[in-house]
């Protein structure tokens, strides 16, 4: 005998990747919104790499932002005519605030402007911040 066997050897390789549906991925990412939830804890619970969870979160956030930007519109605001009030020692009229407006955008971003802001510039700033 030549020492060679005529038996064939087969190696079975199991696919280590788990295929998850979009709904499963979104449900796992939604678990991050729970109070006290961390990426590493959710990843361990589902036996996935935390980097994969970050990727899914970024992927779904991008699609939500695109959908939100399509439906974005300005809300009309009616303001009462300013009253001619006496100036206080600080220089601002009595009973009047500094005229500061706070605008909250998606992803928790905020813009604070006063009444003298140029509307065209404000729109450009909001558009730029919504893209990021």
Protein backbone atom coordinates (compact mmCIF):
# COMPACT_ATOMS: atom_id res chain seq x y z
CA UNK A 1 0.00 0.00 0.00
CA UNK A 2 1.19 3.40 -0.77
CA UNK A 3 -0.06 4.95 2.44
CA UNK A 4 -2.70 6.97 0.70
CA UNK A 5 -6.23 6.35 1.68
CA UNK A 6 -9.01 6.38 -0.82
CA UNK A 7 -11.37 7.71 1.79
CA UNK A 8 -12.55 11.22 1.22
CA UNK A 9 -12.54 13.71 4.06
CA UNK A 10 -15.07 16.47 4.24
CA UNK A 11 -14.92 19.50 6.43
CA UNK A 12 -18.21 21.09 7.37
CA UNK A 13 -17.96 24.79 8.04
CA UNK A 14 -20.88 26.34 9.88
CA UNK A 15 -21.85 29.85 8.94
CA UNK A 16 -21.10 31.91 12.03
CA UNK A 17 -23.03 34.89 10.77
CA UNK A 18 -26.55 35.29 11.94
CA UNK A 19 -28.88 36.79 9.39
CA UNK A 20 -31.27 39.23 11.01
CA UNK A 21 -34.27 40.89 9.46
CA UNK A 22 -34.59 44.65 9.37
CA UNK A 23 -37.32 44.45 12.01
CA UNK A 24 -35.03 42.47 14.34
CA UNK A 25 -32.23 44.99 13.85
CA UNK A 26 -34.55 47.93 14.53
CA UNK A 27 -35.89 46.22 17.67
CA UNK A 28 -32.34 45.68 18.97
CA UNK A 29 -31.41 49.30 18.22
CA UNK A 30 -34.62 50.47 19.93
CA UNK A 31 -33.43 48.80 23.14
CA UNK A 32 -30.77 51.52 23.35
CA UNK A 33 -33.51 54.06 24.13
CA UNK A 34 -34.30 52.37 27.45
CA UNK A 35 -33.13 54.29 30.52
CA UNK A 36 -29.65 53.17 31.54
CA UNK A 37 -29.13 51.03 28.43
CA UNK A 38 -25.60 50.86 27.07
CA UNK A 39 -24.36 49.70 23.69
CA UNK A 40 -22.10 47.08 25.24
CA UNK A 41 -24.88 45.60 27.41
CA UNK A 42 -27.34 45.36 24.50
CA UNK A 43 -24.63 43.89 22.25
CA UNK A 44 -23.75 41.24 24.85
CA UNK A 45 -27.42 40.38 25.35
CA UNK A 46 -27.83 39.66 21.62
CA UNK A 47 -24.35 38.16 21.15
CA UNK A 48 -23.26 40.75 18.56
CA UNK A 49 -20.29 43.07 18.33
CA UNK A 50 -20.88 46.56 19.67
CA UNK A 51 -19.48 47.97 16.42
CA UNK A 52 -22.30 46.23 14.54
CA UNK A 53 -24.83 47.82 16.86
CA UNK A 54 -23.27 51.25 16.26
CA UNK A 55 -23.45 50.62 12.51
CA UNK A 56 -27.16 49.65 12.67
CA UNK A 57 -27.95 52.70 14.80
CA UNK A 58 -26.17 55.02 12.33
CA UNK A 59 -27.88 53.28 9.39
CA UNK A 60 -31.39 53.69 10.82
CA UNK A 61 -30.74 57.23 12.10
CA UNK A 62 -29.73 58.29 8.58
CA UNK A 63 -32.95 56.95 7.09
CA UNK A 64 -35.06 58.64 9.78
CA UNK A 65 -33.26 61.94 9.21
CA UNK A 66 -33.90 61.74 5.46
CA UNK A 67 -37.59 61.03 6.06
CA UNK A 68 -37.80 63.87 8.58
CA UNK A 69 -36.08 66.32 6.23
CA UNK A 70 -38.66 65.57 3.54
CA UNK A 71 -41.50 66.44 5.90
CA UNK A 72 -39.74 69.42 7.53
CA UNK A 73 -41.44 72.76 7.38
CA UNK A 74 -41.41 76.03 9.26
CA UNK A 75 -44.22 76.67 11.70
CA UNK A 76 -45.83 80.09 11.47
CA UNK A 77 -45.49 82.08 14.68
CA UNK A 78 -47.52 85.13 15.65
CA UNK A 79 -45.90 87.57 18.06
CA UNK A 80 -47.58 90.40 19.87
CA UNK A 81 -46.44 93.88 18.94
CA UNK A 82 -43.67 95.05 21.26
CA UNK A 83 -44.78 97.31 24.05
CA UNK A 84 -42.97 100.55 24.60
CA UNK A 85 -41.78 99.92 28.13
CA UNK A 86 -39.40 101.87 30.30
CA UNK A 87 -35.84 100.60 30.39
CA UNK A 88 -34.62 99.14 33.65
CA UNK A 89 -31.20 99.66 35.15
CA UNK A 90 -29.89 96.68 33.17
CA UNK A 91 -30.95 98.30 29.90
CA UNK A 92 -33.73 95.89 28.96
CA UNK A 93 -37.38 96.98 29.07
CA UNK A 94 -39.37 96.07 32.17
CA UNK A 95 -41.15 92.73 31.93
CA UNK A 96 -39.34 91.86 28.72
CA UNK A 97 -36.79 89.08 28.35
CA UNK A 98 -33.67 89.39 26.24
CA UNK A 99 -35.60 88.12 23.20
CA UNK A 100 -33.65 84.89 23.09
CA UNK A 101 -35.21 82.14 20.95
CA UNK A 102 -34.18 78.51 21.39
CA UNK A 103 -34.78 76.13 18.49
CA UNK A 104 -34.43 72.39 19.09
CA UNK A 105 -33.45 70.31 16.07
CA UNK A 106 -33.23 66.57 15.51
CA UNK A 107 -30.71 64.57 17.54
CA UNK A 108 -30.95 67.01 20.46
CA UNK A 109 -29.18 69.88 18.72
CA UNK A 110 -30.20 73.37 19.83
CA UNK A 111 -29.75 76.82 18.37
CA UNK A 112 -30.18 79.98 20.44
CA UNK A 113 -30.66 83.27 18.62
CA UNK A 114 -31.92 86.70 19.53
CA UNK A 115 -34.53 88.74 17.67
CA UNK A 116 -31.97 90.46 15.44
CA UNK A 117 -30.95 87.28 13.58
CA UNK A 118 -31.07 87.31 9.77
CA UNK A 119 -33.72 84.77 8.66
CA UNK A 120 -31.77 83.69 5.57
CA UNK A 121 -28.66 82.99 7.63
CA UNK A 122 -30.70 81.09 10.23
CA UNK A 123 -32.23 78.89 7.51
CA UNK A 124 -28.75 78.05 6.16
CA UNK A 125 -27.49 77.17 9.64
CA UNK A 126 -30.49 74.90 10.28
CA UNK A 127 -30.03 73.18 6.90
CA UNK A 128 -26.35 72.55 7.61
CA UNK A 129 -27.01 71.17 11.08
CA UNK A 130 -29.80 68.89 9.82
CA UNK A 131 -27.45 67.31 7.28
CA UNK A 132 -24.99 66.18 9.95
